[in-house]
PDB file of N, CA and C in Angstrom:
ATOM      1  N   UNK A   1      11.870 -34.242   7.081  1.00  0.00           N
ATOM      2  CA  UNK A   1      10.837 -33.268   6.746  1.00  0.00           C
ATOM      3  C   UNK A   1      11.350 -31.873   7.086  1.00  0.00           C
ATOM      4  N   UNK A   2      11.091 -30.898   6.222  1.00  0.00           N
ATOM      5  CA  UNK A   2      11.545 -29.528   6.432  1.00  0.00           C
ATOM      6  C   UNK A   2      10.786 -28.886   7.586  1.00  0.00           C
ATOM      7  N   UNK A   3      11.439 -27.958   8.301  1.00  0.00           N
ATOM      8  CA  UNK A   3      10.809 -27.302   9.453  1.00  0.00           C
ATOM      9  C   UNK A   3       9.607 -26.453   9.057  1.00  0.00           C
ATOM     10  N   UNK A   4       9.672 -25.811   7.903  1.00  0.00           N
ATOM     11  CA  UNK A   4       8.617 -24.884   7.485  1.00  0.00           C
ATOM     12  C   UNK A   4       7.461 -25.566   6.775  1.00  0.00           C
ATOM     13  N   UNK A   5       7.536 -26.853   6.564  1.00  0.00           N
ATOM     14  CA  UNK A   5       6.486 -27.537   5.823  1.00  0.00           C
ATOM     15  C   UNK A   5       5.177 -27.528   6.621  1.00  0.00           C
ATOM     16  N   UNK A   6       4.114 -27.107   5.967  1.00  0.00           N
ATOM     17  CA  UNK A   6       2.814 -27.024   6.633  1.00  0.00           C
ATOM     18  C   UNK A   6       2.100 -28.348   6.479  1.00  0.00           C
ATOM     19  N   UNK A   7       1.541 -28.814   7.566  1.00  0.00           N
ATOM     20  CA  UNK A   7       0.871 -30.110   7.544  1.00  0.00           C
ATOM     21  C   UNK A   7      -0.585 -29.948   7.965  1.00  0.00           C
ATOM     22  N   UNK A   8      -1.382 -30.955   7.668  1.00  0.00           N
ATOM     23  CA  UNK A   8      -2.768 -30.966   8.106  1.00  0.00           C
ATOM     24  C   UNK A   8      -3.594 -29.845   7.503  1.00  0.00           C
ATOM     25  N   UNK A   9      -4.487 -29.284   8.336  1.00  0.00           N
ATOM     26  CA  UNK A   9      -5.415 -28.244   7.894  1.00  0.00           C
ATOM     27  C   UNK A   9      -4.665 -27.030   7.348  1.00  0.00           C
ATOM     28  N   UNK A  10      -3.583 -26.631   8.006  1.00  0.00           N
ATOM     29  CA  UNK A  10      -2.817 -25.456   7.576  1.00  0.00           C
ATOM     30  C   UNK A  10      -2.154 -25.668   6.219  1.00  0.00           C
ATOM     31  N   UNK A  11      -1.896 -26.908   5.860  1.00  0.00           N
ATOM     32  CA  UNK A  11      -1.246 -27.206   4.595  1.00  0.00           C
ATOM     33  C   UNK A  11      -2.188 -27.264   3.411  1.00  0.00           C
ATOM     34  N   UNK A  12      -3.485 -27.248   3.676  1.00  0.00           N
ATOM     35  CA  UNK A  12      -4.478 -27.318   2.587  1.00  0.00           C
ATOM     36  C   UNK A  12      -4.626 -25.957   1.918  1.00  0.00           C
ATOM     37  N   UNK A  13      -5.098 -25.969   0.692  1.00  0.00           N
ATOM     38  CA  UNK A  13      -5.371 -24.688   0.051  1.00  0.00           C
ATOM     39  C   UNK A  13      -6.609 -24.066   0.701  1.00  0.00           C
ATOM     40  N   UNK A  14      -6.770 -22.767   0.530  1.00  0.00           N
ATOM     41  CA  UNK A  14      -7.840 -22.042   1.221  1.00  0.00           C
ATOM     42  C   UNK A  14      -9.229 -22.541   0.857  1.00  0.00           C
ATOM     43  N   UNK A  15      -9.437 -22.914  -0.378  1.00  0.00           N
ATOM     44  CA  UNK A  15     -10.767 -23.383  -0.786  1.00  0.00           C
ATOM     45  C   UNK A  15     -11.137 -24.664  -0.047  1.00  0.00           C
ATOM     46  N   UNK A  16     -10.187 -25.574   0.087  1.00  0.00           N
ATOM     47  CA  UNK A  16     -10.432 -26.833   0.809  1.00  0.00           C
ATOM     48  C   UNK A  16     -10.709 -26.539   2.284  1.00  0.00           C
ATOM     49  N   UNK A  17      -9.964 -25.609   2.872  1.00  0.00           N
ATOM     50  CA  UNK A  17     -10.208 -25.227   4.268  1.00  0.00           C
ATOM     51  C   UNK A  17     -11.619 -24.672   4.438  1.00  0.00           C
ATOM     52  N   UNK A  18     -12.037 -23.821   3.496  1.00  0.00           N
ATOM     53  CA  UNK A  18     -13.389 -23.235   3.569  1.00  0.00           C
ATOM     54  C   UNK A  18     -14.469 -24.306   3.502  1.00  0.00           C
ATOM     55  N   UNK A  19     -14.280 -25.273   2.609  1.00  0.00           N
ATOM     56  CA  UNK A  19     -15.270 -26.349   2.474  1.00  0.00           C
ATOM     57  C   UNK A  19     -15.418 -27.123   3.778  1.00  0.00           C
ATOM     58  N   UNK A  20     -14.304 -27.456   4.399  1.00  0.00           N
ATOM     59  CA  UNK A  20     -14.332 -28.212   5.651  1.00  0.00           C
ATOM     60  C   UNK A  20     -14.960 -27.374   6.764  1.00  0.00           C
ATOM     61  N   UNK A  21     -14.561 -26.113   6.871  1.00  0.00           N
ATOM     62  CA  UNK A  21     -15.104 -25.236   7.904  1.00  0.00           C
ATOM     63  C   UNK A  21     -16.599 -25.035   7.721  1.00  0.00           C
ATOM     64  N   UNK A  22     -17.039 -24.908   6.490  1.00  0.00           N
ATOM     65  CA  UNK A  22     -18.465 -24.727   6.206  1.00  0.00           C
ATOM     66  C   UNK A  22     -19.266 -25.936   6.661  1.00  0.00           C
ATOM     67  N   UNK A  23     -18.746 -27.118   6.367  1.00  0.00           N
ATOM     68  CA  UNK A  23     -19.433 -28.341   6.798  1.00  0.00           C
ATOM     69  C   UNK A  23     -19.530 -28.405   8.321  1.00  0.00           C
ATOM     70  N   UNK A  24     -18.447 -28.020   8.993  1.00  0.00           N
ATOM     71  CA  UNK A  24     -18.455 -28.027  10.458  1.00  0.00           C
ATOM     72  C   UNK A  24     -19.453 -27.036  11.022  1.00  0.00           C
ATOM     73  N   UNK A  25     -19.517 -25.853  10.419  1.00  0.00           N
ATOM     74  CA  UNK A  25     -20.465 -24.842  10.880  1.00  0.00           C
ATOM     75  C   UNK A  25     -21.900 -25.267  10.686  1.00  0.00           C
ATOM     76  N   UNK A  26     -22.188 -25.860   9.525  1.00  0.00           N
ATOM     77  CA  UNK A  26     -23.554 -26.338   9.266  1.00  0.00           C
ATOM     78  C   UNK A  26     -23.948 -27.418  10.246  1.00  0.00           C
ATOM     79  N   UNK A  27     -23.016 -28.342  10.500  1.00  0.00           N
ATOM     80  CA  UNK A  27     -23.296 -29.447  11.426  1.00  0.00           C
ATOM     81  C   UNK A  27     -23.564 -28.914  12.830  1.00  0.00           C
ATOM     82  N   UNK A  28     -22.785 -27.937  13.272  1.00  0.00           N
ATOM     83  CA  UNK A  28     -22.969 -27.372  14.609  1.00  0.00           C
ATOM     84  C   UNK A  28     -24.321 -26.678  14.731  1.00  0.00           C
ATOM     85  N   UNK A  29     -24.739 -25.980  13.677  1.00  0.00           N
ATOM     86  CA  UNK A  29     -26.047 -25.320  13.715  1.00  0.00           C
ATOM     87  C   UNK A  29     -27.170 -26.342  13.738  1.00  0.00           C
ATOM     88  N   UNK A  30     -27.035 -27.382  12.937  1.00  0.00           N
ATOM     89  CA  UNK A  30     -28.071 -28.422  12.913  1.00  0.00           C
ATOM     90  C   UNK A  30     -28.168 -29.135  14.251  1.00  0.00           C
ATOM     91  N   UNK A  31     -27.028 -29.306  14.891  1.00  0.00           N
ATOM     92  CA  UNK A  31     -26.979 -29.986  16.181  1.00  0.00           C
ATOM     93  C   UNK A  31     -27.426 -29.059  17.314  1.00  0.00           C
ATOM     94  N   UNK A  32     -27.369 -27.772  17.080  1.00  0.00           N
ATOM     95  CA  UNK A  32     -27.771 -26.799  18.095  1.00  0.00           C
ATOM     96  C   UNK A  32     -26.647 -26.402  19.027  1.00  0.00           C
ATOM     97  N   UNK A  33     -25.418 -26.710  18.673  1.00  0.00           N
ATOM     98  CA  UNK A  33     -24.282 -26.378  19.539  1.00  0.00           C
ATOM     99  C   UNK A  33     -23.469 -25.197  19.021  1.00  0.00           C
ATOM    100  N   UNK A  34     -23.890 -24.582  17.934  1.00  0.00           N
ATOM    101  CA  UNK A  34     -23.155 -23.446  17.367  1.00  0.00           C
ATOM    102  C   UNK A  34     -23.380 -22.212  18.227  1.00  0.00           C
ATOM    103  N   UNK A  35     -22.354 -21.404  18.357  1.00  0.00           N
ATOM    104  CA  UNK A  35     -22.478 -20.155  19.107  1.00  0.00           C
ATOM    105  C   UNK A  35     -23.170 -19.117  18.238  1.00  0.00           C
ATOM    106  N   UNK A  36     -24.158 -18.464  18.788  1.00  0.00           N
ATOM    107  CA  UNK A  36     -24.820 -17.366  18.094  1.00  0.00           C
ATOM    108  C   UNK A  36     -24.648 -16.118  18.947  1.00  0.00           C
ATOM    109  N   UNK A  37     -24.139 -15.076  18.327  1.00  0.00           N
ATOM    110  CA  UNK A  37     -23.871 -13.842  19.045  1.00  0.00           C
ATOM    111  C   UNK A  37     -25.166 -13.172  19.479  1.00  0.00           C
ATOM    112  N   UNK A  38     -25.171 -12.685  20.719  1.00  0.00           N
ATOM    113  CA  UNK A  38     -26.261 -11.818  21.163  1.00  0.00           C
ATOM    114  C   UNK A  38     -25.963 -10.434  20.597  1.00  0.00           C
ATOM    115  N   UNK A  39     -26.942  -9.550  20.554  1.00  0.00           N
ATOM    116  CA  UNK A  39     -26.668  -8.190  20.070  1.00  0.00           C
ATOM    117  C   UNK A  39     -25.547  -7.497  20.863  1.00  0.00           C
ATOM    118  N   UNK A  40     -25.489  -7.755  22.163  1.00  0.00           N
ATOM    119  CA  UNK A  40     -24.448  -7.142  22.990  1.00  0.00           C
ATOM    120  C   UNK A  40     -23.066  -7.678  22.613  1.00  0.00           C
ATOM    121  N   UNK A  41     -22.963  -9.006  22.410  1.00  0.00           N
ATOM    122  CA  UNK A  41     -21.680  -9.596  22.014  1.00  0.00           C
ATOM    123  C   UNK A  41     -21.244  -9.073  20.649  1.00  0.00           C
ATOM    124  N   UNK A  42     -22.178  -8.965  19.734  1.00  0.00           N
ATOM    125  CA  UNK A  42     -21.853  -8.474  18.398  1.00  0.00           C
ATOM    126  C   UNK A  42     -21.375  -7.027  18.453  1.00  0.00           C
ATOM    127  N   UNK A  43     -22.028  -6.218  19.267  1.00  0.00           N
ATOM    128  CA  UNK A  43     -21.647  -4.814  19.421  1.00  0.00           C
ATOM    129  C   UNK A  43     -20.226  -4.706  19.977  1.00  0.00           C
ATOM    130  N   UNK A  44     -19.923  -5.505  21.011  1.00  0.00           N
ATOM    131  CA  UNK A  44     -18.596  -5.494  21.618  1.00  0.00           C
ATOM    132  C   UNK A  44     -17.529  -5.949  20.626  1.00  0.00           C
ATOM    133  N   UNK A  45     -17.821  -6.991  19.864  1.00  0.00           N
ATOM    134  CA  UNK A  45     -16.869  -7.482  18.865  1.00  0.00           C
ATOM    135  C   UNK A  45     -16.611  -6.420  17.804  1.00  0.00           C
ATOM    136  N   UNK A  46     -17.645  -5.749  17.359  1.00  0.00           N
ATOM    137  CA  UNK A  46     -17.489  -4.687  16.372  1.00  0.00           C
ATOM    138  C   UNK A  46     -16.686  -3.521  16.903  1.00  0.00           C
ATOM    139  N   UNK A  47     -16.922  -3.174  18.160  1.00  0.00           N
ATOM    140  CA  UNK A  47     -16.171  -2.077  18.784  1.00  0.00           C
ATOM    141  C   UNK A  47     -14.682  -2.423  18.853  1.00  0.00           C
ATOM    142  N   UNK A  48     -14.380  -3.661  19.289  1.00  0.00           N
ATOM    143  CA  UNK A  48     -12.976  -4.084  19.384  1.00  0.00           C
ATOM    144  C   UNK A  48     -12.318  -4.113  18.007  1.00  0.00           C
ATOM    145  N   UNK A  49     -13.039  -4.587  17.013  1.00  0.00           N
ATOM    146  CA  UNK A  49     -12.489  -4.615  15.662  1.00  0.00           C
ATOM    147  C   UNK A  49     -12.220  -3.220  15.142  1.00  0.00           C
ATOM    148  N   UNK A  50     -13.132  -2.304  15.400  1.00  0.00           N
ATOM    149  CA  UNK A  50     -12.956  -0.922  14.972  1.00  0.00           C
ATOM    150  C   UNK A  50     -11.756  -0.269  15.640  1.00  0.00           C
ATOM    151  N   UNK A  51     -11.552  -0.565  16.926  1.00  0.00           N
ATOM    152  CA  UNK A  51     -10.392  -0.019  17.633  1.00  0.00           C
ATOM    153  C   UNK A  51      -9.101  -0.548  17.028  1.00  0.00           C
ATOM    154  N   UNK A  52      -9.065  -1.844  16.733  1.00  0.00           N
ATOM    155  CA  UNK A  52      -7.857  -2.456  16.184  1.00  0.00           C
ATOM    156  C   UNK A  52      -7.525  -1.868  14.814  1.00  0.00           C
ATOM    157  N   UNK A  53      -8.521  -1.704  13.975  1.00  0.00           N
ATOM    158  CA  UNK A  53      -8.300  -1.165  12.634  1.00  0.00           C
ATOM    159  C   UNK A  53      -7.865   0.290  12.702  1.00  0.00           C
ATOM    160  N   UNK A  54      -8.464   1.063  13.593  1.00  0.00           N
ATOM    161  CA  UNK A  54      -8.168   2.492  13.648  1.00  0.00           C
ATOM    162  C   UNK A  54      -6.773   2.775  14.185  1.00  0.00           C
ATOM    163  N   UNK A  55      -6.114   1.807  14.798  1.00  0.00           N
ATOM    164  CA  UNK A  55      -4.730   1.993  15.248  1.00  0.00           C
ATOM    165  C   UNK A  55      -3.764   2.065  14.069  1.00  0.00           C
ATOM    166  N   UNK A  56      -4.164   1.514  12.926  1.00  0.00           N
ATOM    167  CA  UNK A  56      -3.323   1.525  11.733  1.00  0.00           C
ATOM    168  C   UNK A  56      -3.551   2.854  11.008  1.00  0.00           C
ATOM    169  N   UNK A  57      -2.739   3.851  11.323  1.00  0.00           N
ATOM    170  CA  UNK A  57      -2.926   5.202  10.795  1.00  0.00           C
ATOM    171  C   UNK A  57      -2.825   5.241   9.269  1.00  0.00           C
ATOM    172  N   UNK A  58      -1.911   4.454   8.711  1.00  0.00           N
ATOM    173  CA  UNK A  58      -1.747   4.440   7.255  1.00  0.00           C
ATOM    174  C   UNK A  58      -3.022   3.925   6.579  1.00  0.00           C
ATOM    175  N   UNK A  59      -3.607   2.878   7.142  1.00  0.00           N
ATOM    176  CA  UNK A  59      -4.844   2.323   6.587  1.00  0.00           C
ATOM    177  C   UNK A  59      -5.976   3.343   6.685  1.00  0.00           C
ATOM    178  N   UNK A  60      -6.115   3.991   7.832  1.00  0.00           N
ATOM    179  CA  UNK A  60      -7.187   4.968   8.009  1.00  0.00           C
ATOM    180  C   UNK A  60      -7.012   6.145   7.041  1.00  0.00           C
ATOM    181  N   UNK A  61      -5.768   6.566   6.833  1.00  0.00           N
ATOM    182  CA  UNK A  61      -5.498   7.650   5.896  1.00  0.00           C
ATOM    183  C   UNK A  61      -5.892   7.246   4.483  1.00  0.00           C
ATOM    184  N   UNK A  62      -5.543   6.025   4.115  1.00  0.00           N
ATOM    185  CA  UNK A  62      -5.847   5.526   2.761  1.00  0.00           C
ATOM    186  C   UNK A  62      -7.353   5.448   2.530  1.00  0.00           C
ATOM    187  N   UNK A  63      -8.103   4.891   3.488  1.00  0.00           N
ATOM    188  CA  UNK A  63      -9.544   4.771   3.261  1.00  0.00           C
ATOM    189  C   UNK A  63     -10.230   6.130   3.319  1.00  0.00           C
ATOM    190  N   UNK A  64      -9.659   7.062   4.083  1.00  0.00           N
ATOM    191  CA  UNK A  64     -10.206   8.421   4.099  1.00  0.00           C
ATOM    192  C   UNK A  64     -10.048   9.100   2.750  1.00  0.00           C
ATOM    193  N   UNK A  65      -8.865   8.923   2.144  1.00  0.00           N
ATOM    194  CA  UNK A  65      -8.644   9.507   0.809  1.00  0.00           C
ATOM    195  C   UNK A  65      -9.597   8.884  -0.203  1.00  0.00           C
ATOM    196  N   UNK A  66      -9.766   7.557  -0.146  1.00  0.00           N
ATOM    197  CA  UNK A  66     -10.668   6.890  -1.096  1.00  0.00           C
ATOM    198  C   UNK A  66     -12.090   7.393  -0.928  1.00  0.00           C
ATOM    199  N   UNK A  67     -12.509   7.593   0.302  1.00  0.00           N
ATOM    200  CA  UNK A  67     -13.858   8.112   0.548  1.00  0.00           C
ATOM    201  C   UNK A  67     -14.027   9.510   0.004  1.00  0.00           C
ATOM    202  N   UNK A  68     -13.004  10.339   0.177  1.00  0.00           N
ATOM    203  CA  UNK A  68     -13.059  11.706  -0.345  1.00  0.00           C
ATOM    204  C   UNK A  68     -13.107  11.737  -1.857  1.00  0.00           C
ATOM    205  N   UNK A  69     -12.385  10.825  -2.483  1.00  0.00           N
ATOM    206  CA  UNK A  69     -12.387  10.794  -3.942  1.00  0.00           C
ATOM    207  C   UNK A  69     -13.716  10.283  -4.486  1.00  0.00           C
ATOM    208  N   UNK A  70     -14.357   9.383  -3.761  1.00  0.00           N
ATOM    209  CA  UNK A  70     -15.611   8.838  -4.279  1.00  0.00           C
ATOM    210  C   UNK A  70     -16.785   9.773  -4.017  1.00  0.00           C
ATOM    211  N   UNK A  71     -16.684  10.632  -3.011  1.00  0.00           N
ATOM    212  CA  UNK A  71     -17.767  11.588  -2.777  1.00  0.00           C
ATOM    213  C   UNK A  71     -17.696  12.668  -3.847  1.00  0.00           C
ATOM    214  N   UNK A  72     -18.809  13.198  -4.249  1.00  0.00           N
ATOM    215  CA  UNK A  72     -18.910  14.202  -5.307  1.00  0.00           C
ATOM    216  C   UNK A  72     -18.280  13.716  -6.598  1.00  0.00           C
ATOM    217  N   UNK A  73     -18.280  12.422  -6.814  1.00  0.00           N
ATOM    218  CA  UNK A  73     -17.763  11.888  -8.060  1.00  0.00           C
ATOM    219  C   UNK A  73     -16.265  12.037  -8.207  1.00  0.00           C
ATOM    220  N   UNK A  74     -15.543  12.277  -7.103  1.00  0.00           N
ATOM    221  CA  UNK A  74     -14.100  12.415  -7.162  1.00  0.00           C
ATOM    222  C   UNK A  74     -13.649  13.737  -7.735  1.00  0.00           C
ATOM    223  N   UNK A  75     -14.563  14.702  -7.909  1.00  0.00           N
ATOM    224  CA  UNK A  75     -14.201  15.975  -8.526  1.00  0.00           C
ATOM    225  C   UNK A  75     -13.822  17.028  -7.506  1.00  0.00           C
ATOM    226  N   UNK A  76     -13.989  16.735  -6.220  1.00  0.00           N
ATOM    227  CA  UNK A  76     -13.725  17.743  -5.193  1.00  0.00           C
ATOM    228  C   UNK A  76     -12.275  18.114  -5.076  1.00  0.00           C
ATOM    229  N   UNK A  77     -11.401  17.157  -4.974  1.00  0.00           N
ATOM    230  CA  UNK A  77      -9.974  17.428  -4.815  1.00  0.00           C
ATOM    231  C   UNK A  77      -9.180  16.394  -5.598  1.00  0.00           C
ATOM    232  N   UNK A  78      -8.025  16.797  -6.064  1.00  0.00           N
ATOM    233  CA  UNK A  78      -7.132  15.866  -6.738  1.00  0.00           C
ATOM    234  C   UNK A  78      -6.212  15.257  -5.703  1.00  0.00           C
ATOM    235  N   UNK A  79      -5.334  14.339  -6.106  1.00  0.00           N
ATOM    236  CA  UNK A  79      -4.413  13.708  -5.175  1.00  0.00           C
ATOM    237  C   UNK A  79      -3.477  14.718  -4.519  1.00  0.00           C
ATOM    238  N   UNK A  80      -3.206  15.840  -5.184  1.00  0.00           N
ATOM    239  CA  UNK A  80      -2.299  16.841  -4.632  1.00  0.00           C
ATOM    240  C   UNK A  80      -2.983  17.712  -3.585  1.00  0.00           C
ATOM    241  N   UNK A  81      -4.293  17.514  -3.380  1.00  0.00           N
ATOM    242  CA  UNK A  81      -5.023  18.300  -2.405  1.00  0.00           C
ATOM    243  C   UNK A  81      -5.530  19.610  -2.962  1.00  0.00           C
ATOM    244  N   UNK A  82      -5.311  19.900  -4.249  1.00  0.00           N
ATOM    245  CA  UNK A  82      -5.744  21.131  -4.883  1.00  0.00           C
ATOM    246  C   UNK A  82      -7.168  20.960  -5.393  1.00  0.00           C
ATOM    247  N   UNK A  83      -7.900  22.041  -5.387  1.00  0.00           N
ATOM    248  CA  UNK A  83      -9.262  22.011  -5.923  1.00  0.00           C
ATOM    249  C   UNK A  83      -9.234  21.735  -7.414  1.00  0.00           C
ATOM    250  N   UNK A  84     -10.173  20.944  -7.883  1.00  0.00           N
ATOM    251  CA  UNK A  84     -10.315  20.677  -9.312  1.00  0.00           C
ATOM    252  C   UNK A  84     -10.871  21.925  -9.981  1.00  0.00           C
ATOM    253  N   UNK A  85     -10.438  22.221 -11.209  1.00  0.00           N
ATOM    254  CA  UNK A  85     -10.921  23.395 -11.910  1.00  0.00           C
ATOM    255  C   UNK A  85     -11.980  23.061 -12.946  1.00  0.00           C
ATOM    256  N   UNK A  86     -12.554  21.881 -12.866  1.00  0.00           N
ATOM    257  CA  UNK A  86     -13.610  21.487 -13.786  1.00  0.00           C
ATOM    258  C   UNK A  86     -14.917  22.124 -13.327  1.00  0.00           C
ATOM    259  N   UNK A  87     -15.570  22.931 -14.165  1.00  0.00           N
ATOM    260  CA  UNK A  87     -16.849  23.540 -13.769  1.00  0.00           C
ATOM    261  C   UNK A  87     -17.900  22.477 -13.476  1.00  0.00           C
ATOM    262  N   UNK A  88     -18.876  22.850 -12.652  1.00  0.00           N
ATOM    263  CA  UNK A  88     -19.905  21.893 -12.255  1.00  0.00           C
ATOM    264  C   UNK A  88     -20.735  21.418 -13.443  1.00  0.00           C
ATOM    265  N   UNK A  89     -20.751  22.176 -14.548  1.00  0.00           N
ATOM    266  CA  UNK A  89     -21.508  21.742 -15.713  1.00  0.00           C
ATOM    267  C   UNK A  89     -20.739  20.731 -16.544  1.00  0.00           C
ATOM    268  N   UNK A  90     -19.483  20.434 -16.141  1.00  0.00           N
ATOM    269  CA  UNK A  90     -18.688  19.430 -16.834  1.00  0.00           C
ATOM    270  C   UNK A  90     -17.978  19.937 -18.056  1.00  0.00           C
ATOM    271  N   UNK A  91     -18.164  21.221 -18.411  1.00  0.00           N
ATOM    272  CA  UNK A  91     -17.556  21.805 -19.597  1.00  0.00           C
ATOM    273  C   UNK A  91     -16.223  22.422 -19.215  1.00  0.00           C
ATOM    274  N   UNK A  92     -15.124  21.734 -19.558  1.00  0.00           N
ATOM    275  CA  UNK A  92     -13.805  22.201 -19.167  1.00  0.00           C
ATOM    276  C   UNK A  92     -13.375  23.431 -19.940  1.00  0.00           C
ATOM    277  N   UNK A  93     -13.965  23.703 -21.111  1.00  0.00           N
ATOM    278  CA  UNK A  93     -13.574  24.839 -21.932  1.00  0.00           C
ATOM    279  C   UNK A  93     -14.218  26.140 -21.460  1.00  0.00           C
ATOM    280  N   UNK A  94     -15.219  26.037 -20.608  1.00  0.00           N
ATOM    281  CA  UNK A  94     -15.934  27.212 -20.131  1.00  0.00           C
ATOM    282  C   UNK A  94     -15.030  28.028 -19.229  1.00  0.00           C
ATOM    283  N   UNK A  95     -14.790  29.315 -19.606  1.00  0.00           N
ATOM    284  CA  UNK A  95     -13.960  30.187 -18.790  1.00  0.00           C
ATOM    285  C   UNK A  95     -14.738  31.455 -18.496  1.00  0.00           C
ATOM    286  N   UNK A  96     -15.622  31.397 -17.537  1.00  0.00           N
ATOM    287  CA  UNK A  96     -16.394  32.576 -17.181  1.00  0.00           C
ATOM    288  C   UNK A  96     -15.824  33.154 -15.899  1.00  0.00           C
ATOM    289  N   UNK A  97     -15.863  34.474 -15.796  1.00  0.00           N
ATOM    290  CA  UNK A  97     -15.297  35.131 -14.621  1.00  0.00           C
ATOM    291  C   UNK A  97     -16.320  35.159 -13.496  1.00  0.00           C
ATOM    292  N   UNK A  98     -15.830  35.478 -12.311  1.00  0.00           N
ATOM    293  CA  UNK A  98     -16.714  35.608 -11.161  1.00  0.00           C
ATOM    294  C   UNK A  98     -17.683  36.753 -11.363  1.00  0.00           C
ATOM    295  N   UNK A  99     -17.246  37.800 -12.072  1.00  0.00           N
ATOM    296  CA  UNK A  99     -18.127  38.955 -12.305  1.00  0.00           C
ATOM    297  C   UNK A  99     -19.338  38.560 -13.140  1.00  0.00           C
ATOM    298  N   UNK A 100     -19.136  37.690 -14.112  1.00  0.00           N
ATOM    299  CA  UNK A 100     -20.256  37.240 -14.937  1.00  0.00           C
ATOM    300  C   UNK A 100     -21.265  36.471 -14.095  1.00  0.00           C
ATOM    301  N   UNK A 101     -20.756  35.626 -13.173  1.00  0.00           N
ATOM    302  CA  UNK A 101     -21.643  34.843 -12.307  1.00  0.00           C
ATOM    303  C   UNK A 101     -22.360  35.732 -11.302  1.00  0.00           C
ATOM    304  N   UNK A 102     -21.733  36.844 -10.923  1.00  0.00           N
ATOM    305  CA  UNK A 102     -22.326  37.712  -9.925  1.00  0.00           C
ATOM    306  C   UNK A 102     -23.277  38.737 -10.534  1.00  0.00           C
ATOM    307  N   UNK A 103     -23.478  38.640 -11.855  1.00  0.00           N
ATOM    308  CA  UNK A 103     -24.394  39.571 -12.502  1.00  0.00           C
ATOM    309  C   UNK A 103     -23.702  40.854 -12.928  1.00  0.00           C
ATOM    310  N   UNK A 104     -22.386  40.826 -13.036  1.00  0.00           N
ATOM    311  CA  UNK A 104     -21.612  42.003 -13.423  1.00  0.00           C
ATOM    312  C   UNK A 104     -21.634  42.199 -14.929  1.00  0.00           C
ATOM    313  N   UNK A 105     -20.473  42.409 -15.519  1.00  0.00           N
ATOM    314  CA  UNK A 105     -20.338  42.700 -16.953  1.00  0.00           C
ATOM    315  C   UNK A 105     -21.015  41.651 -17.806  1.00  0.00           C
ATOM    316  N   UNK A 106     -21.765  42.077 -18.753  1.00  0.00           N
ATOM    317  CA  UNK A 106     -22.413  41.163 -19.700  1.00  0.00           C
ATOM    318  C   UNK A 106     -23.716  40.594 -19.219  1.00  0.00           C
ATOM    319  N   UNK A 107     -24.182  41.002 -18.054  1.00  0.00           N
ATOM    320  CA  UNK A 107     -25.431  40.418 -17.541  1.00  0.00           C
ATOM    321  C   UNK A 107     -26.627  41.245 -17.884  1.00  0.00           C
TER     322      UNK A 107
END
């Protein structure tokens, strides 16, 4: 037998593992032996998970960029960090000067 060959539960495909784990979880709940997190335990687990994830600077940078792109419909900044020049009315052909907006020439 090869050294890297996976046997038993680890050798099953993920769907089969999920089915078995689900049955075990249901049985434990029905029996009353399943662990249920208290609010304090859940809070601590979430805090630890957040600390672990935030150590990955590349991941945090990536999700920050995605959040910035999804806010304001992704029109706030482009990938290069430059402001988008699309007017808020969505009309890209509109070329009005600041003076026109300020009530200057033509107002």
